[in-house]
Amino acid sequence: MGRPPSCPLNGDEMSVLLYIVLTVAIFALLGLVQKLVEGL
């Protein structure tokens, strides 16, 4: 109830959002590592 209107997400939605962000970050990191390895 005391949640500010600028943060409409509940705990479950925040967990899913965090999972998606982490997954995208891991894939981006893997792609970057692959480019660096190919460049060597």
N, C-alpha and C. Protein backbone atom coordinates (compact mmCIF):
# COMPACT_ATOMS: atom_id res chain seq x y z
N MET A 1 0.83 -1.21 0.00
CA MET A 1 0.00 0.00 0.00
C MET A 1 0.86 1.26 0.00
N GLY A 2 1.98 1.22 0.75
CA GLY A 2 2.82 2.41 0.85
C GLY A 2 3.80 2.55 -0.31
N ARG A 3 3.62 1.71 -1.33
CA ARG A 3 4.54 1.75 -2.47
C ARG A 3 4.28 3.00 -3.30
N PRO A 4 5.33 3.72 -3.70
CA PRO A 4 5.15 4.93 -4.52
C PRO A 4 4.63 4.57 -5.91
N PRO A 5 3.82 5.43 -6.52
CA PRO A 5 3.24 5.13 -7.84
C PRO A 5 4.29 4.98 -8.94
N SER A 6 5.49 5.46 -8.70
CA SER A 6 6.53 5.34 -9.72
C SER A 6 7.09 3.92 -9.78
N CYS A 7 6.72 3.05 -8.82
CA CYS A 7 7.21 1.67 -8.79
C CYS A 7 6.02 0.72 -8.68
N PRO A 8 5.31 0.48 -9.80
CA PRO A 8 4.10 -0.34 -9.76
C PRO A 8 4.39 -1.84 -9.72
N LEU A 9 5.65 -2.24 -9.84
CA LEU A 9 5.98 -3.67 -9.88
C LEU A 9 5.87 -4.29 -8.49
N ASN A 10 5.33 -5.49 -8.45
CA ASN A 10 5.37 -6.24 -7.20
C ASN A 10 6.62 -7.12 -7.18
N GLY A 11 6.81 -7.91 -6.15
CA GLY A 11 8.04 -8.69 -6.01
C GLY A 11 8.24 -9.69 -7.14
N ASP A 12 7.16 -10.36 -7.57
CA ASP A 12 7.30 -11.38 -8.61
C ASP A 12 7.73 -10.76 -9.93
N GLU A 13 7.08 -9.65 -10.31
CA GLU A 13 7.44 -9.00 -11.57
C GLU A 13 8.88 -8.50 -11.53
N MET A 14 9.31 -8.01 -10.35
CA MET A 14 10.68 -7.51 -10.23
C MET A 14 11.67 -8.66 -10.39
N SER A 15 11.32 -9.84 -9.86
CA SER A 15 12.21 -11.00 -9.98
C SER A 15 12.35 -11.40 -11.45
N VAL A 16 11.22 -11.43 -12.16
CA VAL A 16 11.26 -11.80 -13.58
C VAL A 16 12.07 -10.79 -14.37
N LEU A 17 11.86 -9.51 -14.08
CA LEU A 17 12.59 -8.46 -14.78
C LEU A 17 14.09 -8.59 -14.52
N LEU A 18 14.45 -8.87 -13.27
CA LEU A 18 15.86 -9.03 -12.92
C LEU A 18 16.45 -10.24 -13.64
N TYR A 19 15.69 -11.33 -13.72
CA TYR A 19 16.15 -12.54 -14.42
C TYR A 19 16.40 -12.24 -15.89
N ILE A 20 15.48 -11.51 -16.53
CA ILE A 20 15.64 -11.18 -17.95
C ILE A 20 16.88 -10.31 -18.16
N VAL A 21 17.06 -9.31 -17.28
CA VAL A 21 18.21 -8.41 -17.41
C VAL A 21 19.51 -9.19 -17.25
N LEU A 22 19.55 -10.10 -16.28
CA LEU A 22 20.76 -10.90 -16.07
C LEU A 22 21.04 -11.79 -17.27
N THR A 23 19.99 -12.40 -17.83
CA THR A 23 20.17 -13.28 -18.98
C THR A 23 20.72 -12.50 -20.17
N VAL A 24 20.15 -11.33 -20.44
CA VAL A 24 20.63 -10.50 -21.55
C VAL A 24 22.07 -10.07 -21.32
N ALA A 25 22.40 -9.72 -20.06
CA ALA A 25 23.76 -9.29 -19.75
C ALA A 25 24.74 -10.43 -19.96
N ILE A 26 24.37 -11.65 -19.58
CA ILE A 26 25.26 -12.80 -19.75
C ILE A 26 25.49 -13.07 -21.24
N PHE A 27 24.42 -13.02 -22.04
CA PHE A 27 24.58 -13.25 -23.48
C PHE A 27 25.46 -12.17 -24.11
N ALA A 28 25.27 -10.91 -23.69
CA ALA A 28 26.10 -9.83 -24.22
C ALA A 28 27.56 -10.04 -23.85
N LEU A 29 27.79 -10.48 -22.61
CA LEU A 29 29.16 -10.73 -22.15
C LEU A 29 29.79 -11.86 -22.94
N LEU A 30 29.03 -12.94 -23.18
CA LEU A 30 29.56 -14.06 -23.95
C LEU A 30 29.90 -13.63 -25.38
N GLY A 31 29.04 -12.81 -25.97
CA GLY A 31 29.30 -12.32 -27.32
C GLY A 31 30.57 -11.46 -27.36
N LEU A 32 30.76 -10.65 -26.33
CA LEU A 32 31.93 -9.79 -26.26
C LEU A 32 33.21 -10.63 -26.09
N VAL A 33 33.14 -11.64 -25.24
CA VAL A 33 34.29 -12.53 -25.03
C VAL A 33 34.63 -13.25 -26.34
N GLN A 34 33.60 -13.71 -27.06
CA GLN A 34 33.84 -14.42 -28.32
C GLN A 34 34.53 -13.49 -29.33
N LYS A 35 34.10 -12.23 -29.40
CA LYS A 35 34.75 -11.27 -30.31
C LYS A 35 36.21 -11.06 -29.93
N LEU A 36 36.47 -10.95 -28.61
CA LEU A 36 37.85 -10.74 -28.15
C LEU A 36 38.71 -11.95 -28.48
N VAL A 37 38.17 -13.15 -28.27
CA VAL A 37 38.93 -14.37 -28.56
C VAL A 37 39.23 -14.48 -30.05
N GLU A 38 38.24 -14.15 -30.90
CA GLU A 38 38.46 -14.20 -32.34
C GLU A 38 39.48 -13.15 -32.78
N GLY A 39 39.53 -12.04 -32.04
CA GLY A 39 40.45 -10.96 -32.40
C GLY A 39 41.90 -11.27 -32.04
N LEU A 40 42.10 -12.22 -31.12
CA LEU A 40 43.48 -12.52 -30.72
C LEU A 40 44.19 -13.36 -31.77
